[in-house]
Amino acid sequence: MTIDSNKKYISVFVLDTPISHDIYAEFGDFGDQGIELMKRSQFYDQEEIYFKRFDVIGKIELPDLGDAEQVKDLEKNCLGIYLTGSRSDSFTDEEWILRLSKFLREVLEKDDIKLPIVGICFGHQIIGRILGYKIGRNLKGWEIGATVVQLGKKFQEVIGELDSRQELVINESHQDVVFKELDGEGSKNIEANDFTIIGTSEICSNQGFISEKKKVLTFQGHPEFSKGFILKSLYEKLEKKEIDEDVIKQALESTELLKNDNLLIADLIVKFFLDNSK
C-alpha cells in the first residue's frame, strides 16, 4: 500500500491477542476495534489520516527513540499514540510491559517529542503505573457492561465544546483499577499533579486521566466496544463460567438498557489527537 507523504498517522499499539476465534472473526482484535471507533468520528478524514499498527504484546514492536530518522518521522507525521486494552495485568514485569513502560516514560519526559497519548483500560493503567499510582484488583469486583461514569468538572469543561453533560455511558470490562493513592515515586520528570481524574463510577474511583500539559487522555472503560461485542463476550463468559452469574446478568441488563456514548468519545479521542499534535 502506498501512503501519501502528506497524510498523518495515528500509532495504534496493540496490547492483546484476540479474545476468541468467533469474536475475532466478527469484531477483530482490540486494535481493529479502536481503529473502527476513530473512523466513526466526525473529525476523522480518510484522505488526511491513516493508522499504523504496532504489535507490542507479540513482537514488542515500538518506535526507536534513539533513531534520528524515526524520531523525525514521529515529530513530522505522527498525530499520537493509541494504547489498546489488554487482558494482561499492567502491574506485572513481563518484558513487553516493561519495554512499553520505558518507551512511554521517555515520550512523556522528552521535551522534543510532543506526542499525544490516548490509553484505553490497560493503556490507562500503564499510564497510572508510570505516574507511580498503585494498580491492582478492585476489591469491589468486576466492572463490566454498560456503565454510568460521573464526570469531574475538569473533564466536563474539556467536552463542553462537543456536548454539555455531567455523565457518560461507557462499556467496561475490567477487574484491575488505578487506585487514588500513589504507590511509588513514578518518574521524577512527570508530575502526577499534572494529571486529573476524569470521572468516577459506582465501584471505580478512577475512570481515566487527562493532562493538558503532557497531552494524555485515558479511559478505564472501552469506548471501542460495541453493544454487539459486549453482549457476545458476556454470553461467552457466562458459558465458560469466568465471572459470577449474577454479575453477568446485571451487565447484560445494563448493556441492553443504557445507550453508550461511543460516538461522543470517538470525537473526543480524534479531536484530542488533532488539537494536541499541532
C-alpha atoms as a PDB file:
ATOM      1  CA  MET A   1       0.000   0.000   0.000  1.00  0.00           C
ATOM      2  CA  THR A   2       1.376   3.404  -0.989  1.00  0.00           C
ATOM      3  CA  ILE A   3       0.894   6.123   1.628  1.00  0.00           C
ATOM      4  CA  ASP A   4       0.579   9.771   0.614  1.00  0.00           C
ATOM      5  CA  SER A   5       3.562  11.538   2.192  1.00  0.00           C
ATOM      6  CA  ASN A   6       1.262  14.388   3.238  1.00  0.00           C
ATOM      7  CA  LYS A   7      -1.016  12.107   5.279  1.00  0.00           C
ATOM      8  CA  LYS A   8      -0.643  11.881   9.041  1.00  0.00           C
ATOM      9  CA  TYR A   9      -0.956   8.690  11.027  1.00  0.00           C
ATOM     10  CA  ILE A  10      -2.064   7.547  14.454  1.00  0.00           C
ATOM     11  CA  SER A  11       0.147   4.846  16.005  1.00  0.00           C
ATOM     12  CA  VAL A  12      -2.010   2.018  17.362  1.00  0.00           C
ATOM     13  CA  PHE A  13      -0.160  -0.042  19.965  1.00  0.00           C
ATOM     14  CA  VAL A  14      -1.872  -3.458  20.064  1.00  0.00           C
ATOM     15  CA  LEU A  15      -1.522  -4.821  23.605  1.00  0.00           C
ATOM     16  CA  ASP A  16      -3.570  -8.020  23.446  1.00  0.00           C
ATOM     17  CA  THR A  17      -4.194 -11.092  21.328  1.00  0.00           C
ATOM     18  CA  PRO A  18      -7.716 -11.880  20.031  1.00  0.00           C
ATOM     19  CA  ILE A  19     -10.174 -12.989  22.723  1.00  0.00           C
ATOM     20  CA  SER A  20     -11.589 -15.966  20.825  1.00  0.00           C
ATOM     21  CA  HIS A  21     -11.847 -17.146  17.226  1.00  0.00           C
ATOM     22  CA  ASP A  22     -15.581 -16.419  16.958  1.00  0.00           C
ATOM     23  CA  ILE A  23     -15.332 -12.923  18.414  1.00  0.00           C
ATOM     24  CA  TYR A  24     -12.195 -12.102  16.396  1.00  0.00           C
ATOM     25  CA  ALA A  25     -13.842 -13.238  13.159  1.00  0.00           C
ATOM     26  CA  GLU A  26     -16.715 -10.817  13.710  1.00  0.00           C
ATOM     27  CA  PHE A  27     -15.129  -7.854  15.502  1.00  0.00           C
ATOM     28  CA  GLY A  28     -11.357  -8.108  15.045  1.00  0.00           C
ATOM     29  CA  ASP A  29      -8.838  -7.535  17.837  1.00  0.00           C
ATOM     30  CA  PHE A  30      -8.634  -4.563  20.198  1.00  0.00           C
ATOM     31  CA  GLY A  31      -6.553  -2.643  17.664  1.00  0.00           C
ATOM     32  CA  ASP A  32      -9.118  -3.203  14.906  1.00  0.00           C
ATOM     33  CA  GLN A  33     -11.919  -2.063  17.190  1.00  0.00           C
ATOM     34  CA  GLY A  34     -10.014   1.057  18.239  1.00  0.00           C
ATOM     35  CA  ILE A  35      -9.387   1.974  14.611  1.00  0.00           C
ATOM     36  CA  GLU A  36     -13.050   1.448  13.711  1.00  0.00           C
ATOM     37  CA  LEU A  37     -14.074   3.654  16.640  1.00  0.00           C
ATOM     38  CA  MET A  38     -11.841   6.516  15.495  1.00  0.00           C
ATOM     39  CA  LYS A  39     -13.012   6.151  11.901  1.00  0.00           C
ATOM     40  CA  ARG A  40     -16.566   6.837  13.088  1.00  0.00           C
ATOM     41  CA  SER A  41     -15.616  10.277  14.441  1.00  0.00           C
ATOM     42  CA  GLN A  42     -16.823  13.345  12.611  1.00  0.00           C
ATOM     43  CA  PHE A  43     -13.237  14.649  12.841  1.00  0.00           C
ATOM     44  CA  TYR A  44     -11.686  11.681  11.043  1.00  0.00           C
ATOM     45  CA  ASP A  45     -10.775  12.259   7.388  1.00  0.00           C
ATOM     46  CA  GLN A  46      -9.564   9.208   5.499  1.00  0.00           C
ATOM     47  CA  GLU A  47      -7.873  11.487   2.992  1.00  0.00           C
ATOM     48  CA  GLU A  48      -5.753  13.007   5.763  1.00  0.00           C
ATOM     49  CA  ILE A  49      -5.281  10.277   8.404  1.00  0.00           C
ATOM     50  CA  TYR A  50      -4.258   6.627   8.384  1.00  0.00           C
ATOM     51  CA  PHE A  51      -3.379   4.140  11.127  1.00  0.00           C
ATOM     52  CA  LYS A  52      -0.079   2.366  11.766  1.00  0.00           C
ATOM     53  CA  ARG A  53      -0.300  -0.763  13.921  1.00  0.00           C
ATOM     54  CA  PHE A  54       2.460  -1.903  16.279  1.00  0.00           C
ATOM     55  CA  ASP A  55       2.317  -5.470  17.647  1.00  0.00           C
ATOM     56  CA  VAL A  56       3.608  -4.724  21.129  1.00  0.00           C
ATOM     57  CA  ILE A  57       2.389  -7.788  23.013  1.00  0.00           C
ATOM     58  CA  GLY A  58       3.560 -10.271  20.392  1.00  0.00           C
ATOM     59  CA  LYS A  59       6.675  -8.797  18.766  1.00  0.00           C
ATOM     60  CA  ILE A  60       7.395  -5.857  21.102  1.00  0.00           C
ATOM     61  CA  GLU A  61       7.236  -3.522  18.111  1.00  0.00           C
ATOM     62  CA  LEU A  62       7.984   0.003  19.331  1.00  0.00           C
ATOM     63  CA  PRO A  63       9.444   3.056  17.597  1.00  0.00           C
ATOM     64  CA  ASP A  64      13.153   3.519  18.327  1.00  0.00           C
ATOM     65  CA  LEU A  65      13.588   6.868  20.070  1.00  0.00           C
ATOM     66  CA  GLY A  66      17.336   6.536  19.594  1.00  0.00           C
ATOM     67  CA  ASP A  67      16.960   6.528  15.805  1.00  0.00           C
ATOM     68  CA  ALA A  68      17.053  10.094  14.469  1.00  0.00           C
ATOM     69  CA  GLU A  69      15.060   9.222  11.335  1.00  0.00           C
ATOM     70  CA  GLN A  70      12.296   7.517  13.312  1.00  0.00           C
ATOM     71  CA  VAL A  71      12.102  10.432  15.746  1.00  0.00           C
ATOM     72  CA  LYS A  72      11.909  12.852  12.820  1.00  0.00           C
ATOM     73  CA  ASP A  73       9.049  10.816  11.334  1.00  0.00           C
ATOM     74  CA  LEU A  74       7.198  10.798  14.671  1.00  0.00           C
ATOM     75  CA  GLU A  75       7.569  14.553  15.043  1.00  0.00           C
ATOM     76  CA  LYS A  76       6.508  15.292  11.454  1.00  0.00           C
ATOM     77  CA  ASN A  77       3.844  12.700  10.683  1.00  0.00           C
ATOM     78  CA  CYS A  78       2.505  11.042  13.843  1.00  0.00           C
ATOM     79  CA  LEU A  79      -0.644  12.534  15.394  1.00  0.00           C
ATOM     80  CA  GLY A  80      -0.229  10.468  18.549  1.00  0.00           C
ATOM     81  CA  ILE A  81      -0.288   7.043  20.183  1.00  0.00           C
ATOM     82  CA  TYR A  82      -3.394   4.968  20.885  1.00  0.00           C
ATOM     83  CA  LEU A  83      -2.900   2.274  23.555  1.00  0.00           C
ATOM     84  CA  THR A  84      -5.400  -0.580  23.360  1.00  0.00           C
ATOM     85  CA  GLY A  85      -6.763  -2.570  26.242  1.00  0.00           C
ATOM     86  CA  SER A  86      -5.349  -5.929  27.293  1.00  0.00           C
ATOM     87  CA  ARG A  87      -6.256  -8.904  29.469  1.00  0.00           C
ATOM     88  CA  SER A  88      -2.726  -8.783  30.909  1.00  0.00           C
ATOM     89  CA  ASP A  89      -2.032  -7.276  34.325  1.00  0.00           C
ATOM     90  CA  SER A  90      -0.373  -3.883  33.939  1.00  0.00           C
ATOM     91  CA  PHE A  91       1.411  -4.252  37.281  1.00  0.00           C
ATOM     92  CA  THR A  92       3.478  -7.308  36.277  1.00  0.00           C
ATOM     93  CA  ASP A  93       7.044  -7.296  34.979  1.00  0.00           C
ATOM     94  CA  GLU A  94       6.629  -9.120  31.678  1.00  0.00           C
ATOM     95  CA  GLU A  95       9.279  -7.980  29.213  1.00  0.00           C
ATOM     96  CA  TRP A  96       6.845  -6.352  26.782  1.00  0.00           C
ATOM     97  CA  ILE A  97       5.165  -4.431  29.618  1.00  0.00           C
ATOM     98  CA  LEU A  98       8.497  -3.154  30.946  1.00  0.00           C
ATOM     99  CA  ARG A  99       9.616  -2.167  27.432  1.00  0.00           C
ATOM    100  CA  LEU A 100       6.309  -0.397  26.781  1.00  0.00           C
ATOM    101  CA  SER A 101       6.520   1.438  30.118  1.00  0.00           C
ATOM    102  CA  LYS A 102      10.076   2.560  29.364  1.00  0.00           C
ATOM    103  CA  PHE A 103       9.072   3.832  25.918  1.00  0.00           C
ATOM    104  CA  LEU A 104       6.039   5.769  27.205  1.00  0.00           C
ATOM    105  CA  ARG A 105       8.037   7.235  30.079  1.00  0.00           C
ATOM    106  CA  GLU A 106      10.631   8.524  27.621  1.00  0.00           C
ATOM    107  CA  VAL A 107       7.936  10.063  25.415  1.00  0.00           C
ATOM    108  CA  LEU A 108       6.376  11.826  28.393  1.00  0.00           C
ATOM    109  CA  GLU A 109       9.728  13.035  29.702  1.00  0.00           C
ATOM    110  CA  LYS A 110      11.215  14.315  26.464  1.00  0.00           C
ATOM    111  CA  ASP A 111      10.605  17.948  25.602  1.00  0.00           C
ATOM    112  CA  ASP A 112      11.490  17.439  21.931  1.00  0.00           C
ATOM    113  CA  ILE A 113       8.872  14.732  21.317  1.00  0.00           C
ATOM    114  CA  LYS A 114       5.352  16.077  21.768  1.00  0.00           C
ATOM    115  CA  LEU A 115       3.172  13.051  21.083  1.00  0.00           C
ATOM    116  CA  PRO A 116      -0.390  12.935  22.436  1.00  0.00           C
ATOM    117  CA  ILE A 117      -1.261   9.620  24.097  1.00  0.00           C
ATOM    118  CA  VAL A 118      -4.708   8.054  24.441  1.00  0.00           C
ATOM    119  CA  GLY A 119      -4.941   4.983  26.681  1.00  0.00           C
ATOM    120  CA  ILE A 120      -7.805   2.501  26.916  1.00  0.00           C
ATOM    121  CA  CYS A 121      -8.293   0.266  30.011  1.00  0.00           C
ATOM    122  CA  PHE A 122      -4.841  -1.405  30.246  1.00  0.00           C
ATOM    123  CA  GLY A 123      -3.481   1.687  28.471  1.00  0.00           C
ATOM    124  CA  HIS A 124      -4.962   3.836  31.251  1.00  0.00           C
ATOM    125  CA  GLN A 125      -3.461   1.578  33.905  1.00  0.00           C
ATOM    126  CA  ILE A 126       0.029   1.598  32.386  1.00  0.00           C
ATOM    127  CA  ILE A 127      -0.013   5.403  32.457  1.00  0.00           C
ATOM    128  CA  GLY A 128      -1.034   5.182  36.121  1.00  0.00           C
ATOM    129  CA  ARG A 129       1.888   2.849  36.757  1.00  0.00           C
ATOM    130  CA  ILE A 130       4.316   5.294  35.156  1.00  0.00           C
ATOM    131  CA  LEU A 131       2.945   8.064  37.378  1.00  0.00           C
ATOM    132  CA  GLY A 132       3.531   5.926  40.468  1.00  0.00           C
ATOM    133  CA  TYR A 133      -0.065   5.019  41.290  1.00  0.00           C
ATOM    134  CA  LYS A 134      -0.977   1.728  42.912  1.00  0.00           C
ATOM    135  CA  ILE A 135      -2.516  -0.705  40.400  1.00  0.00           C
ATOM    136  CA  GLY A 136      -4.307  -3.892  41.406  1.00  0.00           C
ATOM    137  CA  ARG A 137      -7.507  -5.908  41.679  1.00  0.00           C
ATOM    138  CA  ASN A 138     -10.621  -3.956  42.543  1.00  0.00           C
ATOM    139  CA  LEU A 139     -11.850  -5.245  45.908  1.00  0.00           C
ATOM    140  CA  LYS A 140     -15.384  -4.433  44.738  1.00  0.00           C
ATOM    141  CA  GLY A 141     -15.105  -6.948  41.919  1.00  0.00           C
ATOM    142  CA  TRP A 142     -15.626  -6.825  38.173  1.00  0.00           C
ATOM    143  CA  GLU A 143     -16.964  -3.741  36.427  1.00  0.00           C
ATOM    144  CA  ILE A 144     -18.470  -4.986  33.201  1.00  0.00           C
ATOM    145  CA  GLY A 145     -21.133  -3.964  30.691  1.00  0.00           C
ATOM    146  CA  ALA A 146     -22.568  -0.503  30.024  1.00  0.00           C
ATOM    147  CA  THR A 147     -21.638   1.737  32.967  1.00  0.00           C
ATOM    148  CA  VAL A 148     -22.539   5.278  34.001  1.00  0.00           C
ATOM    149  CA  VAL A 149     -19.491   7.459  34.685  1.00  0.00           C
ATOM    150  CA  GLN A 150     -19.943  10.683  36.653  1.00  0.00           C
ATOM    151  CA  LEU A 151     -17.627  13.281  35.124  1.00  0.00           C
ATOM    152  CA  GLY A 152     -15.389  15.612  37.089  1.00  0.00           C
ATOM    153  CA  LYS A 153     -15.625  19.352  36.494  1.00  0.00           C
ATOM    154  CA  LYS A 154     -12.346  19.476  34.590  1.00  0.00           C
ATOM    155  CA  PHE A 155     -13.465  16.871  32.077  1.00  0.00           C
ATOM    156  CA  GLN A 156     -16.892  18.478  31.751  1.00  0.00           C
ATOM    157  CA  GLU A 157     -15.035  21.589  30.565  1.00  0.00           C
ATOM    158  CA  VAL A 158     -12.996  19.519  28.096  1.00  0.00           C
ATOM    159  CA  ILE A 159     -16.042  18.003  26.407  1.00  0.00           C
ATOM    160  CA  GLY A 160     -18.020  21.240  26.634  1.00  0.00           C
ATOM    161  CA  GLU A 161     -17.270  22.132  23.012  1.00  0.00           C
ATOM    162  CA  LEU A 162     -18.932  18.910  21.861  1.00  0.00           C
ATOM    163  CA  ASP A 163     -21.649  18.210  24.403  1.00  0.00           C
ATOM    164  CA  SER A 164     -22.812  19.628  27.723  1.00  0.00           C
ATOM    165  CA  ARG A 165     -23.272  16.815  30.223  1.00  0.00           C
ATOM    166  CA  GLN A 166     -22.241  15.545  33.633  1.00  0.00           C
ATOM    167  CA  GLU A 167     -22.032  11.827  32.848  1.00  0.00           C
ATOM    168  CA  LEU A 168     -21.098   9.364  30.129  1.00  0.00           C
ATOM    169  CA  VAL A 169     -22.166   5.785  29.474  1.00  0.00           C
ATOM    170  CA  ILE A 170     -19.194   3.640  28.524  1.00  0.00           C
ATOM    171  CA  ASN A 171     -18.766  -0.111  28.098  1.00  0.00           C
ATOM    172  CA  GLU A 172     -16.468  -1.587  30.728  1.00  0.00           C
ATOM    173  CA  SER A 173     -14.677  -4.905  31.203  1.00  0.00           C
ATOM    174  CA  HIS A 174     -12.052  -4.887  33.953  1.00  0.00           C
ATOM    175  CA  GLN A 175     -11.187  -6.139  37.393  1.00  0.00           C
ATOM    176  CA  ASP A 176      -7.969  -4.123  37.801  1.00  0.00           C
ATOM    177  CA  VAL A 177      -8.035  -0.439  38.706  1.00  0.00           C
ATOM    178  CA  VAL A 178      -5.773   2.546  39.244  1.00  0.00           C
ATOM    179  CA  PHE A 179      -6.175   3.437  42.900  1.00  0.00           C
ATOM    180  CA  LYS A 180      -6.180   7.056  44.033  1.00  0.00           C
ATOM    181  CA  GLU A 181      -3.098   6.700  46.233  1.00  0.00           C
ATOM    182  CA  LEU A 182       0.451   6.797  44.924  1.00  0.00           C
ATOM    183  CA  ASP A 183       2.426   3.587  45.412  1.00  0.00           C
ATOM    184  CA  GLY A 184       5.834   4.851  44.382  1.00  0.00           C
ATOM    185  CA  GLU A 185       7.794   7.818  43.121  1.00  0.00           C
ATOM    186  CA  GLY A 186       6.984   7.270  39.454  1.00  0.00           C
ATOM    187  CA  SER A 187       9.081   9.424  37.152  1.00  0.00           C
ATOM    188  CA  LYS A 188      10.863  12.387  38.670  1.00  0.00           C
ATOM    189  CA  ASN A 189      10.202  14.342  35.469  1.00  0.00           C
ATOM    190  CA  ILE A 190       6.465  13.637  35.307  1.00  0.00           C
ATOM    191  CA  GLU A 191       4.286  15.206  37.988  1.00  0.00           C
ATOM    192  CA  ALA A 192       1.221  13.183  38.995  1.00  0.00           C
ATOM    193  CA  ASN A 193      -0.410  16.504  39.903  1.00  0.00           C
ATOM    194  CA  ASP A 194      -0.461  17.374  36.193  1.00  0.00           C
ATOM    195  CA  PHE A 195      -2.989  14.558  35.690  1.00  0.00           C
ATOM    196  CA  THR A 196      -6.651  14.969  36.646  1.00  0.00           C
ATOM    197  CA  ILE A 197      -9.081  12.058  37.107  1.00  0.00           C
ATOM    198  CA  ILE A 198     -11.840  12.434  34.506  1.00  0.00           C
ATOM    199  CA  GLY A 199     -14.626  10.765  36.484  1.00  0.00           C
ATOM    200  CA  THR A 200     -15.859   8.029  38.781  1.00  0.00           C
ATOM    201  CA  SER A 201     -18.376   5.189  38.727  1.00  0.00           C
ATOM    202  CA  GLU A 202     -20.197   3.271  41.421  1.00  0.00           C
ATOM    203  CA  ILE A 203     -17.317   0.856  42.041  1.00  0.00           C
ATOM    204  CA  CYS A 204     -14.325   2.562  40.383  1.00  0.00           C
ATOM    205  CA  SER A 205     -12.981   5.871  41.670  1.00  0.00           C
ATOM    206  CA  ASN A 206     -10.592   6.451  38.743  1.00  0.00           C
ATOM    207  CA  GLN A 207     -12.224   6.257  35.314  1.00  0.00           C
ATOM    208  CA  GLY A 208      -9.367   7.901  33.457  1.00  0.00           C
ATOM    209  CA  PHE A 209      -6.807  10.696  33.358  1.00  0.00           C
ATOM    210  CA  ILE A 210      -6.414  13.902  31.433  1.00  0.00           C
ATOM    211  CA  SER A 211      -3.311  16.051  31.280  1.00  0.00           C
ATOM    212  CA  GLU A 212      -3.216  19.063  29.006  1.00  0.00           C
ATOM    213  CA  LYS A 213       0.439  19.649  29.888  1.00  0.00           C
ATOM    214  CA  LYS A 214       1.573  16.136  28.974  1.00  0.00           C
ATOM    215  CA  LYS A 215      -1.109  15.636  26.290  1.00  0.00           C
ATOM    216  CA  VAL A 216      -2.576  12.471  27.778  1.00  0.00           C
ATOM    217  CA  LEU A 217      -6.182  11.233  27.800  1.00  0.00           C
ATOM    218  CA  THR A 218      -7.135   7.827  29.206  1.00  0.00           C
ATOM    219  CA  PHE A 219     -10.304   5.836  29.834  1.00  0.00           C
ATOM    220  CA  GLN A 220     -10.712   2.909  32.204  1.00  0.00           C
ATOM    221  CA  GLY A 221     -13.636   1.806  30.060  1.00  0.00           C
ATOM    222  CA  HIS A 222     -13.753   0.519  26.490  1.00  0.00           C
ATOM    223  CA  PRO A 223     -15.377   3.068  24.149  1.00  0.00           C
ATOM    224  CA  GLU A 224     -14.308   0.878  21.209  1.00  0.00           C
ATOM    225  CA  PHE A 225     -16.522  -1.989  22.388  1.00  0.00           C
ATOM    226  CA  SER A 226     -19.815  -2.009  20.530  1.00  0.00           C
ATOM    227  CA  LYS A 227     -23.022  -3.238  22.114  1.00  0.00           C
ATOM    228  CA  GLY A 228     -22.822  -6.364  19.954  1.00  0.00           C
ATOM    229  CA  PHE A 229     -19.269  -7.112  21.083  1.00  0.00           C
ATOM    230  CA  ILE A 230     -20.071  -6.634  24.777  1.00  0.00           C
ATOM    231  CA  LEU A 231     -23.152  -8.858  24.587  1.00  0.00           C
ATOM    232  CA  LYS A 232     -21.313 -11.623  22.756  1.00  0.00           C
ATOM    233  CA  SER A 233     -18.367 -11.529  25.164  1.00  0.00           C
ATOM    234  CA  LEU A 234     -20.728 -11.549  28.160  1.00  0.00           C
ATOM    235  CA  TYR A 235     -22.533 -14.647  26.911  1.00  0.00           C
ATOM    236  CA  GLU A 236     -19.168 -16.297  26.270  1.00  0.00           C
ATOM    237  CA  LYS A 237     -18.030 -15.516  29.833  1.00  0.00           C
ATOM    238  CA  LEU A 238     -21.335 -16.850  31.142  1.00  0.00           C
ATOM    239  CA  GLU A 239     -20.926 -20.078  29.200  1.00  0.00           C
ATOM    240  CA  LYS A 240     -17.340 -20.521  30.425  1.00  0.00           C
ATOM    241  CA  LYS A 241     -18.328 -19.510  33.989  1.00  0.00           C
ATOM    242  CA  GLU A 242     -15.477 -16.995  34.100  1.00  0.00           C
ATOM    243  CA  ILE A 243     -17.458 -14.488  36.189  1.00  0.00           C
ATOM    244  CA  ASP A 244     -20.232 -14.852  38.746  1.00  0.00           C
ATOM    245  CA  GLU A 245     -23.571 -15.415  37.004  1.00  0.00           C
ATOM    246  CA  ASP A 246     -25.324 -12.579  38.875  1.00  0.00           C
ATOM    247  CA  VAL A 247     -22.643 -10.103  37.747  1.00  0.00           C
ATOM    248  CA  ILE A 248     -23.058 -11.210  34.132  1.00  0.00           C
ATOM    249  CA  LYS A 249     -26.857 -10.934  34.281  1.00  0.00           C
ATOM    250  CA  GLN A 250     -26.634  -7.411  35.708  1.00  0.00           C
ATOM    251  CA  ALA A 251     -24.156  -6.470  32.966  1.00  0.00           C
ATOM    252  CA  LEU A 252     -26.436  -7.868  30.271  1.00  0.00           C
ATOM    253  CA  GLU A 253     -29.333  -5.847  31.657  1.00  0.00           C
ATOM    254  CA  SER A 254     -27.401  -2.570  31.801  1.00  0.00           C
ATOM    255  CA  THR A 255     -25.970  -3.109  28.306  1.00  0.00           C
ATOM    256  CA  GLU A 256     -29.442  -3.652  26.858  1.00  0.00           C
ATOM    257  CA  LEU A 257     -30.939  -0.736  28.781  1.00  0.00           C
ATOM    258  CA  LEU A 258     -28.315   2.018  28.515  1.00  0.00           C
ATOM    259  CA  LYS A 259     -27.241   3.761  25.301  1.00  0.00           C
ATOM    260  CA  ASN A 260     -23.459   4.048  25.229  1.00  0.00           C
ATOM    261  CA  ASP A 261     -21.657   7.245  24.271  1.00  0.00           C
ATOM    262  CA  ASN A 262     -19.127   5.632  21.927  1.00  0.00           C
ATOM    263  CA  LEU A 263     -19.578   8.215  19.176  1.00  0.00           C
ATOM    264  CA  LEU A 264     -19.040  11.164  21.508  1.00  0.00           C
ATOM    265  CA  ILE A 265     -15.920   9.513  22.905  1.00  0.00           C
ATOM    266  CA  ALA A 266     -14.695   8.787  19.366  1.00  0.00           C
ATOM    267  CA  ASP A 267     -14.977  12.516  18.669  1.00  0.00           C
ATOM    268  CA  LEU A 268     -13.160  13.321  21.920  1.00  0.00           C
ATOM    269  CA  ILE A 269     -10.283  10.993  21.050  1.00  0.00           C
ATOM    270  CA  VAL A 270      -9.728  12.111  17.448  1.00  0.00           C
ATOM    271  CA  LYS A 271     -10.160  15.782  18.360  1.00  0.00           C
ATOM    272  CA  PHE A 272      -7.663  15.303  21.202  1.00  0.00           C
ATOM    273  CA  PHE A 273      -5.082  13.944  18.742  1.00  0.00           C
ATOM    274  CA  LEU A 274      -5.673  16.716  16.214  1.00  0.00           C
ATOM    275  CA  ASP A 275      -5.689  19.551  18.758  1.00  0.00           C
ATOM    276  CA  ASN A 276      -2.580  18.381  20.606  1.00  0.00           C
ATOM    277  CA  SER A 277      -0.374  17.410  17.665  1.00  0.00           C
ATOM    278  CA  LYS A 278      -0.160  20.966  16.378  1.00  0.00           C
END
